[in-house]
C-alpha atoms as a PDB file:
ATOM      1  CA  MET A   1      84.956  95.633  83.619  1.00  0.00           C
ATOM      2  CA  GLN A   2      83.751  99.174  84.284  1.00  0.00           C
ATOM      3  CA  VAL A   3      85.784 101.489  86.520  1.00  0.00           C
ATOM      4  CA  ASN A   4      85.422 105.096  87.607  1.00  0.00           C
ATOM      5  CA  ALA A   5      88.173 107.692  87.388  1.00  0.00           C
ATOM      6  CA  SER A   6      89.546 107.069  90.895  1.00  0.00           C
ATOM      7  CA  GLN A   7      89.635 103.322  90.362  1.00  0.00           C
ATOM      8  CA  LEU A   8      91.403 103.698  87.018  1.00  0.00           C
ATOM      9  CA  ASN A   9      93.949 106.064  88.542  1.00  0.00           C
ATOM     10  CA  ALA A  10      94.664 103.578  91.349  1.00  0.00           C
ATOM     11  CA  LEU A  11      94.867 100.662  88.896  1.00  0.00           C
ATOM     12  CA  LEU A  12      97.355 102.412  86.618  1.00  0.00           C
ATOM     13  CA  THR A  13      99.425 103.600  89.565  1.00  0.00           C
ATOM     14  CA  THR A  14      99.755  99.946  90.585  1.00  0.00           C
ATOM     15  CA  TYR A  15     100.261  98.404  87.132  1.00  0.00           C
ATOM     16  CA  VAL A  16     102.694 100.878  85.569  1.00  0.00           C
ATOM     17  CA  PRO A  17     105.615 100.301  88.005  1.00  0.00           C
ATOM     18  CA  GLN A  18     105.190  96.572  87.359  1.00  0.00           C
ATOM     19  CA  ARG A  19     105.482  97.248  83.614  1.00  0.00           C
ATOM     20  CA  LEU A  20     102.026  95.758  82.984  1.00  0.00           C
ATOM     21  CA  PRO A  21     100.246  97.161  79.888  1.00  0.00           C
ATOM     22  CA  VAL A  22      96.630  98.318  80.236  1.00  0.00           C
ATOM     23  CA  LEU A  23      93.991  99.008  77.580  1.00  0.00           C
ATOM     24  CA  ILE A  24      91.366 101.620  78.519  1.00  0.00           C
ATOM     25  CA  THR A  25      88.081 101.808  76.614  1.00  0.00           C
ATOM     26  CA  GLY A  26      85.193 104.255  76.921  1.00  0.00           C
ATOM     27  CA  ARG A  27      83.186 107.019  75.305  1.00  0.00           C
ATOM     28  CA  PRO A  28      84.932 110.031  73.750  1.00  0.00           C
ATOM     29  CA  GLY A  29      85.728 112.890  76.084  1.00  0.00           C
ATOM     30  CA  ILE A  30      85.444 111.125  79.443  1.00  0.00           C
ATOM     31  CA  GLY A  31      89.029 111.679  80.594  1.00  0.00           C
ATOM     32  CA  LYS A  32      91.043 108.626  79.514  1.00  0.00           C
ATOM     33  CA  SER A  33      94.012 110.666  78.287  1.00  0.00           C
ATOM     34  CA  ASP A  34      93.848 113.064  81.241  1.00  0.00           C
ATOM     35  CA  ILE A  35      94.032 110.210  83.747  1.00  0.00           C
ATOM     36  CA  VAL A  36      97.066 108.717  81.987  1.00  0.00           C
ATOM     37  CA  ALA A  37      98.772 112.127  82.182  1.00  0.00           C
ATOM     38  CA  GLU A  38      97.894 112.414  85.894  1.00  0.00           C
ATOM     39  CA  VAL A  39      99.375 108.968  86.591  1.00  0.00           C
ATOM     40  CA  ALA A  40     102.577 109.860  84.737  1.00  0.00           C
ATOM     41  CA  ALA A  41     102.917 113.017  86.827  1.00  0.00           C
ATOM     42  CA  THR A  42     102.169 111.158  90.075  1.00  0.00           C
ATOM     43  CA  LEU A  43     104.744 108.447  89.356  1.00  0.00           C
ATOM     44  CA  ASP A  44     107.277 110.948  87.974  1.00  0.00           C
ATOM     45  CA  TYR A  45     107.410 109.171  84.604  1.00  0.00           C
ATOM     46  CA  ASP A  46     108.032 110.666  81.204  1.00  0.00           C
ATOM     47  CA  LEU A  47     105.017 110.425  78.896  1.00  0.00           C
ATOM     48  CA  LEU A  48     105.229 109.642  75.182  1.00  0.00           C
ATOM     49  CA  ILE A  49     101.890 109.931  73.356  1.00  0.00           C
ATOM     50  CA  SER A  50     101.476 108.215  69.987  1.00  0.00           C
ATOM     51  CA  HIS A  51      98.460 108.317  67.675  1.00  0.00           C
ATOM     52  CA  PRO A  52      98.409 105.043  65.713  1.00  0.00           C
ATOM     53  CA  VAL A  53      95.443 106.272  63.652  1.00  0.00           C
ATOM     54  CA  VAL A  54      97.816 108.525  61.664  1.00  0.00           C
ATOM     55  CA  GLU A  55     100.709 106.043  61.582  1.00  0.00           C
ATOM     56  CA  ASP A  56     102.088 103.677  58.988  1.00  0.00           C
ATOM     57  CA  PRO A  57     103.402 100.210  59.965  1.00  0.00           C
ATOM     58  CA  THR A  58     106.945 101.476  59.440  1.00  0.00           C
ATOM     59  CA  ASP A  59     106.459 103.864  62.386  1.00  0.00           C
ATOM     60  CA  SER A  60     106.550 100.824  64.691  1.00  0.00           C
ATOM     61  CA  LYS A  61     109.105  98.777  62.713  1.00  0.00           C
ATOM     62  CA  GLY A  62     111.531 101.379  61.417  1.00  0.00           C
ATOM     63  CA  LEU A  63     112.615 102.209  57.876  1.00  0.00           C
ATOM     64  CA  PRO A  64     114.432  99.445  55.991  1.00  0.00           C
ATOM     65  CA  PHE A  65     117.828 100.301  54.554  1.00  0.00           C
ATOM     66  CA  ALA A  66     120.470  98.207  52.827  1.00  0.00           C
ATOM     67  CA  ALA A  67     123.299  96.826  54.891  1.00  0.00           C
ATOM     68  CA  ALA A  68     126.894  97.367  53.868  1.00  0.00           C
ATOM     69  CA  ASP A  69     127.123  93.982  52.170  1.00  0.00           C
ATOM     70  CA  GLY A  70     124.235  94.863  49.878  1.00  0.00           C
ATOM     71  CA  LYS A  71     122.668  91.489  50.525  1.00  0.00           C
ATOM     72  CA  SER A  72     120.577  92.230  53.612  1.00  0.00           C
ATOM     73  CA  ALA A  73     118.573  95.021  55.206  1.00  0.00           C
ATOM     74  CA  ARG A  74     118.298  96.589  58.618  1.00  0.00           C
ATOM     75  CA  PHE A  75     115.572  98.746  60.085  1.00  0.00           C
ATOM     76  CA  LEU A  76     116.267 102.320  61.137  1.00  0.00           C
ATOM     77  CA  PRO A  77     114.032 103.497  64.035  1.00  0.00           C
ATOM     78  CA  PHE A  78     112.620 107.006  63.796  1.00  0.00           C
ATOM     79  CA  GLY A  79     109.953 109.171  65.424  1.00  0.00           C
ATOM     80  CA  ASP A  80     108.296 107.798  68.569  1.00  0.00           C
ATOM     81  CA  LEU A  81     110.099 104.448  68.298  1.00  0.00           C
ATOM     82  CA  GLU A  82     113.457 106.174  68.263  1.00  0.00           C
ATOM     83  CA  ARG A  83     112.481 108.288  71.280  1.00  0.00           C
ATOM     84  CA  ALA A  84     111.340 105.205  73.201  1.00  0.00           C
ATOM     85  CA  LEU A  85     114.654 103.448  72.504  1.00  0.00           C
ATOM     86  CA  GLN A  86     116.752 106.334  73.810  1.00  0.00           C
ATOM     87  CA  PRO A  87     118.288 106.161  77.326  1.00  0.00           C
ATOM     88  CA  ARG A  88     116.567 108.497  79.780  1.00  0.00           C
ATOM     89  CA  GLU A  89     116.709 109.658  83.371  1.00  0.00           C
ATOM     90  CA  ARG A  90     113.116 108.700  84.224  1.00  0.00           C
ATOM     91  CA  PRO A  91     110.954 105.690  83.306  1.00  0.00           C
ATOM     92  CA  LEU A  92     108.600 106.114  80.375  1.00  0.00           C
ATOM     93  CA  ILE A  93     104.885 105.561  79.782  1.00  0.00           C
ATOM     94  CA  TRP A  94     104.299 105.000  76.061  1.00  0.00           C
ATOM     95  CA  PHE A  95     100.635 105.861  75.549  1.00  0.00           C
ATOM     96  CA  LEU A  96      98.917 104.640  72.377  1.00  0.00           C
ATOM     97  CA  ASP A  97      95.884 106.916  72.097  1.00  0.00           C
ATOM     98  CA  ASP A  98      92.887 106.062  69.890  1.00  0.00           C
ATOM     99  CA  LEU A  99      94.355 102.631  69.167  1.00  0.00           C
ATOM    100  CA  GLY A 100      91.035 101.256  67.904  1.00  0.00           C
ATOM    101  CA  GLN A 101      90.983 103.747  65.025  1.00  0.00           C
ATOM    102  CA  ALA A 102      94.277 102.458  63.620  1.00  0.00           C
ATOM    103  CA  SER A 103      94.382 100.203  60.571  1.00  0.00           C
ATOM    104  CA  PRO A 104      94.838  96.440  61.084  1.00  0.00           C
ATOM    105  CA  ALA A 105      98.344  96.697  59.610  1.00  0.00           C
ATOM    106  CA  VAL A 106      99.381  99.325  62.165  1.00  0.00           C
ATOM    107  CA  GLN A 107      97.783  97.344  65.011  1.00  0.00           C
ATOM    108  CA  ALA A 108      99.652  94.228  63.891  1.00  0.00           C
ATOM    109  CA  ALA A 109     102.913  96.185  63.964  1.00  0.00           C
ATOM    110  CA  LYS A 110     102.275  97.006  67.640  1.00  0.00           C
ATOM    111  CA  MET A 111     101.977  93.336  68.658  1.00  0.00           C
ATOM    112  CA  GLN A 112     105.688  92.580  68.743  1.00  0.00           C
ATOM    113  CA  LEU A 113     106.379  95.783  70.646  1.00  0.00           C
ATOM    114  CA  LEU A 114     103.773  94.969  73.289  1.00  0.00           C
ATOM    115  CA  LEU A 115     104.687  91.333  73.877  1.00  0.00           C
ATOM    116  CA  ALA A 116     108.287  90.753  72.798  1.00  0.00           C
ATOM    117  CA  ARG A 117     109.208  94.406  73.519  1.00  0.00           C
ATOM    118  CA  ARG A 118     111.479  94.441  70.522  1.00  0.00           C
ATOM    119  CA  ILE A 119     111.468  95.100  66.787  1.00  0.00           C
ATOM    120  CA  GLY A 120     114.121  93.152  64.921  1.00  0.00           C
ATOM    121  CA  GLU A 121     117.454  93.973  66.491  1.00  0.00           C
ATOM    122  CA  HIS A 122     116.033  96.841  68.560  1.00  0.00           C
ATOM    123  CA  ARG A 123     114.957  96.030  72.097  1.00  0.00           C
ATOM    124  CA  LEU A 124     112.923  98.409  74.272  1.00  0.00           C
ATOM    125  CA  PRO A 125     114.484  99.484  77.575  1.00  0.00           C
ATOM    126  CA  ASP A 126     113.055  97.794  80.659  1.00  0.00           C
ATOM    127  CA  ASP A 127     111.708 101.111  81.976  1.00  0.00           C
ATOM    128  CA  VAL A 128     109.082 101.476  79.201  1.00  0.00           C
ATOM    129  CA  THR A 129     105.439 100.650  80.033  1.00  0.00           C
ATOM    130  CA  PHE A 130     102.648 100.615  77.458  1.00  0.00           C
ATOM    131  CA  LEU A 131      99.189 102.072  78.073  1.00  0.00           C
ATOM    132  CA  ALA A 132      96.535 102.396  75.382  1.00  0.00           C
ATOM    133  CA  ALA A 133      93.083 103.901  75.001  1.00  0.00           C
ATOM    134  CA  THR A 134      90.278 103.524  72.512  1.00  0.00           C
ATOM    135  CA  ASN A 135      86.670 104.462  72.022  1.00  0.00           C
ATOM    136  CA  ARG A 136      84.153 101.693  71.503  1.00  0.00           C
ATOM    137  CA  ARG A 137      82.732 100.531  68.195  1.00  0.00           C
ATOM    138  CA  ASN A 138      79.299 102.035  68.983  1.00  0.00           C
ATOM    139  CA  ASP A 139      80.685 105.498  69.780  1.00  0.00           C
ATOM    140  CA  ASN A 140      80.693 106.782  66.178  1.00  0.00           C
ATOM    141  CA  ALA A 141      84.400 107.442  66.579  1.00  0.00           C
ATOM    142  CA  GLY A 142      85.686 105.535  63.573  1.00  0.00           C
ATOM    143  CA  VAL A 143      86.600 102.439  65.589  1.00  0.00           C
ATOM    144  CA  SER A 144      86.384  99.253  63.572  1.00  0.00           C
ATOM    145  CA  GLY A 145      87.771  97.121  66.378  1.00  0.00           C
ATOM    146  CA  ILE A 146      91.056  95.910  67.816  1.00  0.00           C
ATOM    147  CA  LEU A 147      92.676  92.689  66.674  1.00  0.00           C
ATOM    148  CA  ASP A 148      92.160  89.901  69.217  1.00  0.00           C
ATOM    149  CA  PRO A 149      95.876  88.989  69.315  1.00  0.00           C
ATOM    150  CA  LEU A 150      96.636  92.620  70.163  1.00  0.00           C
ATOM    151  CA  ILE A 151      94.023  92.704  72.940  1.00  0.00           C
ATOM    152  CA  SER A 152      95.585  89.573  74.453  1.00  0.00           C
ATOM    153  CA  ARG A 153      98.877  91.440  74.836  1.00  0.00           C
ATOM    154  CA  PHE A 154      97.387  93.693  77.513  1.00  0.00           C
ATOM    155  CA  ALA A 155      97.492  92.603  81.148  1.00  0.00           C
ATOM    156  CA  THR A 156      93.976  93.956  81.679  1.00  0.00           C
ATOM    157  CA  VAL A 157      91.241  95.736  79.713  1.00  0.00           C
ATOM    158  CA  VAL A 158      88.922  98.135  81.551  1.00  0.00           C
ATOM    159  CA  GLU A 159      86.109 100.461  80.521  1.00  0.00           C
ATOM    160  CA  LEU A 160      86.146 103.943  82.024  1.00  0.00           C
ATOM    161  CA  GLU A 161      82.716 105.173  83.084  1.00  0.00           C
ATOM    162  CA  ALA A 162      81.989 108.837  83.761  1.00  0.00           C
ATOM    163  CA  THR A 163      80.252 109.429  87.103  1.00  0.00           C
ATOM    164  CA  ILE A 164      78.815 112.631  88.483  1.00  0.00           C
ATOM    165  CA  GLU A 165      80.584 112.051  91.827  1.00  0.00           C
ATOM    166  CA  GLU A 166      84.006 111.910  90.187  1.00  0.00           C
ATOM    167  CA  TRP A 167      83.304 114.850  87.907  1.00  0.00           C
ATOM    168  CA  THR A 168      82.037 117.116  90.660  1.00  0.00           C
ATOM    169  CA  ALA A 169      85.001 116.221  92.893  1.00  0.00           C
ATOM    170  CA  TRP A 170      87.277 117.352  90.057  1.00  0.00           C
ATOM    171  CA  ALA A 171      85.148 120.417  89.341  1.00  0.00           C
ATOM    172  CA  VAL A 172      85.171 121.696  92.923  1.00  0.00           C
ATOM    173  CA  VAL A 173      88.949 121.446  93.194  1.00  0.00           C
ATOM    174  CA  ASN A 174      89.393 123.163  89.820  1.00  0.00           C
ATOM    175  CA  ASN A 175      87.141 126.131  90.640  1.00  0.00           C
ATOM    176  CA  VAL A 176      84.381 125.314  88.169  1.00  0.00           C
ATOM    177  CA  LYS A 177      81.446 127.684  88.514  1.00  0.00           C
ATOM    178  CA  PRO A 178      79.031 126.469  91.228  1.00  0.00           C
ATOM    179  CA  GLU A 179      76.017 126.893  88.949  1.00  0.00           C
ATOM    180  CA  LEU A 180      77.454 124.340  86.512  1.00  0.00           C
ATOM    181  CA  ILE A 181      78.252 121.898  89.325  1.00  0.00           C
ATOM    182  CA  ALA A 182      74.744 122.333  90.704  1.00  0.00           C
ATOM    183  CA  PHE A 183      73.149 121.857  87.272  1.00  0.00           C
ATOM    184  CA  LEU A 184      74.930 118.571  86.553  1.00  0.00           C
ATOM    185  CA  ARG A 185      74.063 117.280  90.003  1.00  0.00           C
ATOM    186  CA  PHE A 186      70.458 118.148  89.211  1.00  0.00           C
ATOM    187  CA  ARG A 187      70.726 116.489  85.765  1.00  0.00           C
ATOM    188  CA  PRO A 188      73.492 113.842  86.117  1.00  0.00           C
ATOM    189  CA  ASP A 189      72.160 112.016  83.044  1.00  0.00           C
ATOM    190  CA  LEU A 190      73.526 114.887  80.937  1.00  0.00           C
ATOM    191  CA  LEU A 191      77.133 114.438  82.070  1.00  0.00           C
ATOM    192  CA  SER A 192      77.876 111.977  79.267  1.00  0.00           C
ATOM    193  CA  VAL A 193      75.398 111.210  76.499  1.00  0.00           C
ATOM    194  CA  GLN A 194      75.768 108.525  73.849  1.00  0.00           C
ATOM    195  CA  LYS A 195      75.666 110.042  70.359  1.00  0.00           C
ATOM    196  CA  THR A 196      73.022 108.304  68.261  1.00  0.00           C
ATOM    197  CA  SER A 197      73.473 110.008  64.890  1.00  0.00           C
ATOM    198  CA  ARG A 198      76.323 110.779  62.531  1.00  0.00           C
ATOM    199  CA  ASP A 199      75.359 114.442  62.220  1.00  0.00           C
ATOM    200  CA  ILE A 200      78.023 117.038  62.930  1.00  0.00           C
ATOM    201  CA  GLU A 201      76.753 118.185  66.309  1.00  0.00           C
ATOM    202  CA  ALA A 202      78.109 118.402  69.822  1.00  0.00           C
ATOM    203  CA  THR A 203      77.037 116.022  72.567  1.00  0.00           C
ATOM    204  CA  PRO A 204      77.589 116.256  76.319  1.00  0.00           C
ATOM    205  CA  SER A 205      80.713 114.682  77.795  1.00  0.00           C
ATOM    206  CA  PRO A 206      82.989 115.546  80.716  1.00  0.00           C
ATOM    207  CA  ARG A 207      85.359 117.120  78.192  1.00  0.00           C
ATOM    208  CA  SER A 208      82.670 119.279  76.563  1.00  0.00           C
ATOM    209  CA  TRP A 209      81.306 120.382  79.941  1.00  0.00           C
ATOM    210  CA  GLY A 210      84.873 121.397  80.744  1.00  0.00           C
ATOM    211  CA  PHE A 211      84.750 123.729  77.744  1.00  0.00           C
ATOM    212  CA  VAL A 212      81.466 125.160  79.046  1.00  0.00           C
ATOM    213  CA  ALA A 213      83.134 125.731  82.422  1.00  0.00           C
ATOM    214  CA  LYS A 214      85.924 127.733  80.756  1.00  0.00           C
ATOM    215  CA  ALA A 215      83.388 129.822  78.842  1.00  0.00           C
ATOM    216  CA  MET A 216      81.164 130.638  81.837  1.00  0.00           C
ATOM    217  CA  GLY A 217      81.821 134.132  83.076  1.00  0.00           C
ATOM    218  CA  VAL A 218      83.867 134.922  79.957  1.00  0.00           C
ATOM    219  CA  VAL A 219      81.341 135.124  77.105  1.00  0.00           C
ATOM    220  CA  PRO A 220      78.778 137.949  77.225  1.00  0.00           C
ATOM    221  CA  LYS A 221      75.267 137.034  78.304  1.00  0.00           C
ATOM    222  CA  GLU A 222      73.809 137.334  74.803  1.00  0.00           C
ATOM    223  CA  LEU A 223      76.273 134.704  73.543  1.00  0.00           C
ATOM    224  CA  GLU A 224      75.904 132.214  76.385  1.00  0.00           C
ATOM    225  CA  LEU A 225      73.379 129.925  74.689  1.00  0.00           C
ATOM    226  CA  ILE A 226      75.315 129.915  71.405  1.00  0.00           C
ATOM    227  CA  SER A 227      78.567 129.171  73.212  1.00  0.00           C
ATOM    228  CA  TYR A 228      77.210 126.393  75.409  1.00  0.00           C
ATOM    229  CA  ALA A 229      75.145 124.798  72.626  1.00  0.00           C
ATOM    230  CA  GLY A 230      78.267 124.601  70.479  1.00  0.00           C
ATOM    231  CA  ALA A 231      79.931 122.556  73.206  1.00  0.00           C
ATOM    232  CA  VAL A 232      77.192 120.232  74.499  1.00  0.00           C
ATOM    233  CA  GLY A 233      74.263 120.573  72.098  1.00  0.00           C
ATOM    234  CA  GLU A 234      71.251 122.868  71.999  1.00  0.00           C
ATOM    235  CA  GLY A 235      68.987 120.812  74.295  1.00  0.00           C
ATOM    236  CA  PRO A 236      71.389 120.502  77.253  1.00  0.00           C
ATOM    237  CA  ALA A 237      72.520 124.107  76.787  1.00  0.00           C
ATOM    238  CA  THR A 238      68.917 125.349  76.932  1.00  0.00           C
ATOM    239  CA  GLU A 239      68.349 123.397  80.146  1.00  0.00           C
ATOM    240  CA  LEU A 240      71.541 124.835  81.611  1.00  0.00           C
ATOM    241  CA  MET A 241      70.433 128.377  80.785  1.00  0.00           C
ATOM    242  CA  ALA A 242      67.061 127.810  82.479  1.00  0.00           C
ATOM    243  CA  PHE A 243      68.853 126.484  85.550  1.00  0.00           C
ATOM    244  CA  VAL A 244      71.249 129.443  85.588  1.00  0.00           C
ATOM    245  CA  GLU A 245      68.267 131.789  85.667  1.00  0.00           C
ATOM    246  CA  ILE A 246      67.062 130.011  88.823  1.00  0.00           C
ATOM    247  CA  TYR A 247      70.559 130.281  90.275  1.00  0.00           C
ATOM    248  CA  ARG A 248      70.773 134.006  89.579  1.00  0.00           C
ATOM    249  CA  GLU A 249      67.465 134.644  91.321  1.00  0.00           C
ATOM    250  CA  LEU A 250      68.562 132.990  94.575  1.00  0.00           C
ATOM    251  CA  PRO A 251      69.910 135.054  97.465  1.00  0.00           C
ATOM    252  CA  SER A 252      73.679 135.447  97.286  1.00  0.00           C
ATOM    253  CA  PRO A 253      75.767 133.193  99.567  1.00  0.00           C
ATOM    254  CA  ALA A 254      76.820 136.294 101.490  1.00  0.00           C
ATOM    255  CA  ALA A 255      73.162 137.187 102.121  1.00  0.00           C
ATOM    256  CA  VAL A 256      72.349 133.658 103.326  1.00  0.00           C
ATOM    257  CA  LEU A 257      75.314 133.587 105.706  1.00  0.00           C
ATOM    258  CA  ALA A 258      74.536 137.067 107.000  1.00  0.00           C
ATOM    259  CA  ALA A 259      71.497 135.499 108.684  1.00  0.00           C
ATOM    260  CA  PRO A 260      71.993 131.708 108.494  1.00  0.00           C
ATOM    261  CA  ASP A 261      69.406 130.996 111.172  1.00  0.00           C
ATOM    262  CA  ALA A 262      66.671 132.884 109.284  1.00  0.00           C
ATOM    263  CA  ALA A 263      67.631 132.715 105.584  1.00  0.00           C
ATOM    264  CA  PRO A 264      64.989 130.903 103.518  1.00  0.00           C
ATOM    265  CA  ILE A 265      65.505 127.285 102.527  1.00  0.00           C
ATOM    266  CA  PRO A 266      64.394 126.640  98.925  1.00  0.00           C
ATOM    267  CA  GLU A 267      61.713 124.051  98.250  1.00  0.00           C
ATOM    268  CA  LYS A 268      62.545 123.045  94.676  1.00  0.00           C
ATOM    269  CA  PRO A 269      65.352 120.481  94.187  1.00  0.00           C
ATOM    270  CA  SER A 270      66.923 122.629  91.469  1.00  0.00           C
ATOM    271  CA  ALA A 271      67.211 125.579  93.854  1.00  0.00           C
ATOM    272  CA  LEU A 272      68.514 123.339  96.653  1.00  0.00           C
ATOM    273  CA  TYR A 273      71.288 122.013  94.414  1.00  0.00           C
ATOM    274  CA  ALA A 274      72.095 125.589  93.455  1.00  0.00           C
ATOM    275  CA  ILE A 275      72.245 127.012  96.980  1.00  0.00           C
ATOM    276  CA  SER A 276      74.289 124.117  98.384  1.00  0.00           C
ATOM    277  CA  ALA A 277      76.868 124.403  95.565  1.00  0.00           C
ATOM    278  CA  ALA A 278      77.065 128.178  95.945  1.00  0.00           C
ATOM    279  CA  LEU A 279      77.535 128.060  99.712  1.00  0.00           C
ATOM    280  CA  ALA A 280      80.218 125.384  99.389  1.00  0.00           C
ATOM    281  CA  MET A 281      82.241 127.601  97.050  1.00  0.00           C
ATOM    282  CA  TYR A 282      81.785 130.583  99.368  1.00  0.00           C
ATOM    283  CA  ALA A 283      82.685 128.747 102.587  1.00  0.00           C
ATOM    284  CA  ASN A 284      86.026 129.391 104.286  1.00  0.00           C
ATOM    285  CA  GLU A 285      87.640 129.135 107.710  1.00  0.00           C
ATOM    286  CA  SER A 286      86.222 132.444 108.910  1.00  0.00           C
ATOM    287  CA  ASN A 287      82.564 131.877 107.979  1.00  0.00           C
ATOM    288  CA  PHE A 288      82.216 128.128 108.479  1.00  0.00           C
ATOM    289  CA  GLU A 289      80.420 128.581 111.805  1.00  0.00           C
ATOM    290  CA  ARG A 290      77.598 130.236 109.849  1.00  0.00           C
ATOM    291  CA  VAL A 291      77.727 127.509 107.200  1.00  0.00           C
ATOM    292  CA  VAL A 292      77.241 124.956 109.974  1.00  0.00           C
ATOM    293  CA  THR A 293      74.168 126.820 111.211  1.00  0.00           C
ATOM    294  CA  TYR A 294      72.518 126.753 107.786  1.00  0.00           C
ATOM    295  CA  THR A 295      73.577 123.143 107.174  1.00  0.00           C
ATOM    296  CA  GLU A 296      72.027 122.003 110.442  1.00  0.00           C
ATOM    297  CA  ARG A 297      68.800 123.685 109.373  1.00  0.00           C
ATOM    298  CA  LEU A 298      68.898 121.676 106.126  1.00  0.00           C
ATOM    299  CA  ILE A 299      69.295 118.496 108.164  1.00  0.00           C
ATOM    300  CA  GLY A 300      66.441 119.524 110.436  1.00  0.00           C
ATOM    301  CA  ALA A 301      64.262 119.943 107.350  1.00  0.00           C
ATOM    302  CA  GLY A 302      65.105 116.409 106.218  1.00  0.00           C
ATOM    303  CA  LEU A 303      67.323 117.640 103.359  1.00  0.00           C
ATOM    304  CA  ASN A 304      70.278 115.457 104.307  1.00  0.00           C
ATOM    305  CA  GLU A 305      71.473 114.950 100.711  1.00  0.00           C
ATOM    306  CA  PHE A 306      71.972 118.670 100.151  1.00  0.00           C
ATOM    307  CA  ALA A 307      73.568 119.159 103.568  1.00  0.00           C
ATOM    308  CA  ALA A 308      76.093 116.408 102.778  1.00  0.00           C
ATOM    309  CA  LEU A 309      76.883 117.926  99.385  1.00  0.00           C
ATOM    310  CA  LEU A 310      77.402 121.341 100.937  1.00  0.00           C
ATOM    311  CA  VAL A 311      79.862 120.179 103.596  1.00  0.00           C
ATOM    312  CA  THR A 312      81.714 117.719 101.335  1.00  0.00           C
ATOM    313  CA  ASP A 313      82.224 120.305  98.597  1.00  0.00           C
ATOM    314  CA  ALA A 314      83.304 122.944 101.100  1.00  0.00           C
ATOM    315  CA  LEU A 315      86.004 120.597 102.420  1.00  0.00           C
ATOM    316  CA  ARG A 316      87.190 119.755  98.902  1.00  0.00           C
ATOM    317  CA  LYS A 317      87.371 123.435  97.984  1.00  0.00           C
ATOM    318  CA  THR A 318      89.005 124.585 101.235  1.00  0.00           C
ATOM    319  CA  PRO A 319      90.606 121.649 103.126  1.00  0.00           C
ATOM    320  CA  ALA A 320      91.703 123.998 105.939  1.00  0.00           C
ATOM    321  CA  ILE A 321      88.058 124.106 107.070  1.00  0.00           C
ATOM    322  CA  ALA A 322      88.659 120.701 108.693  1.00  0.00           C
ATOM    323  CA  ASN A 323      90.929 122.420 111.240  1.00  0.00           C
ATOM    324  CA  THR A 324      88.400 125.038 112.341  1.00  0.00           C
ATOM    325  CA  HIS A 325      86.689 124.928 115.717  1.00  0.00           C
ATOM    326  CA  ALA A 326      83.309 125.049 113.943  1.00  0.00           C
ATOM    327  CA  PHE A 327      84.023 121.895 111.959  1.00  0.00           C
ATOM    328  CA  ILE A 328      85.500 120.014 114.908  1.00  0.00           C
ATOM    329  CA  ARG A 329      82.434 120.895 116.983  1.00  0.00           C
ATOM    330  CA  ALA A 330      80.111 119.864 114.155  1.00  0.00           C
ATOM    331  CA  GLN A 331      81.775 116.442 114.053  1.00  0.00           C
ATOM    332  CA  GLY A 332      79.983 115.570 117.248  1.00  0.00           C
ATOM    333  CA  GLY A 333      76.544 116.499 115.907  1.00  0.00           C
ATOM    334  CA  PRO A 334      74.254 115.626 113.029  1.00  0.00           C
ATOM    335  CA  ILE A 335      76.766 116.899 110.439  1.00  0.00           C
ATOM    336  CA  GLY A 336      79.399 114.455 111.680  1.00  0.00           C
ATOM    337  CA  THR A 337      76.878 111.614 111.514  1.00  0.00           C
ATOM    338  CA  LEU A 338      75.904 112.643 108.007  1.00  0.00           C
ATOM    339  CA  ILE A 339      79.352 112.870 106.428  1.00  0.00           C
ATOM    340  CA  HIS A 340      80.798 109.812 108.183  1.00  0.00           C
ATOM    341  CA  GLY A 341      77.737 107.616 108.163  1.00  0.00           C
END
């Protein structure tokens, strides 16, 4: 079952307090680990991250050592198992990352932990909840599969799907450059691309676009293409650079809002995505009256999609806009119909 980031967040927030284990699948770099960390923070849980791919079966069972009578053995927990067994002030999410890359022997060692919640004489505290994530077998991520008996130990298995709506909502709140937001809205098919070869080359993913976002405005202009291509691949990076050139040639948001009733409205979709993203980032409580004027002109020109993006992003970036007289007044007009309809 495919889910988006918001749905996965809501699912985990519901399942974790009930101590129900969840297995999350999906392409590399689409935010599986980040969402688990967000849920842990929201629920005020401790987070223990294990990487079974680099484990040995003894990591989940403990080290055997001879008992005092010399005729039997006990298992001594260490590492992550020892930490999970310790008493704590807050409940714990034990996150098994990249589970599908682990050897069958390591996966088998996790079965008793997941179902019986004990290894030999050691029993997990009741406040421990398991979550796990894995790439898929066709993702070129070294996944050979997960043992069926191990899969059956999870209460539900879901596949996280990257969507441009979820990514841009995150990007606006996290101050990603408007030109990058506008570009991926213009080319949403480049948000996450399935790698088809085993060559050592970068491919686009929400994670790699996040690296591009951190580089934008930091690397000098002559290194932009090299920097971006190293994160998402040469083809997508070249397209981004061409789009950025369009963005840089547009009037500045300040110039548009200086005369919102006369400023030109672009004709090309690429330029419309660019101007709506730029104005959304520039909007605030003091200039939103002018933003409304330009937005209503977009609606009058039949460009409802771009008007909706502009207002929605502006509210995400600056929630206080919702309390302005300009926004309240606009609620009764075409903008209100657009964003609520």
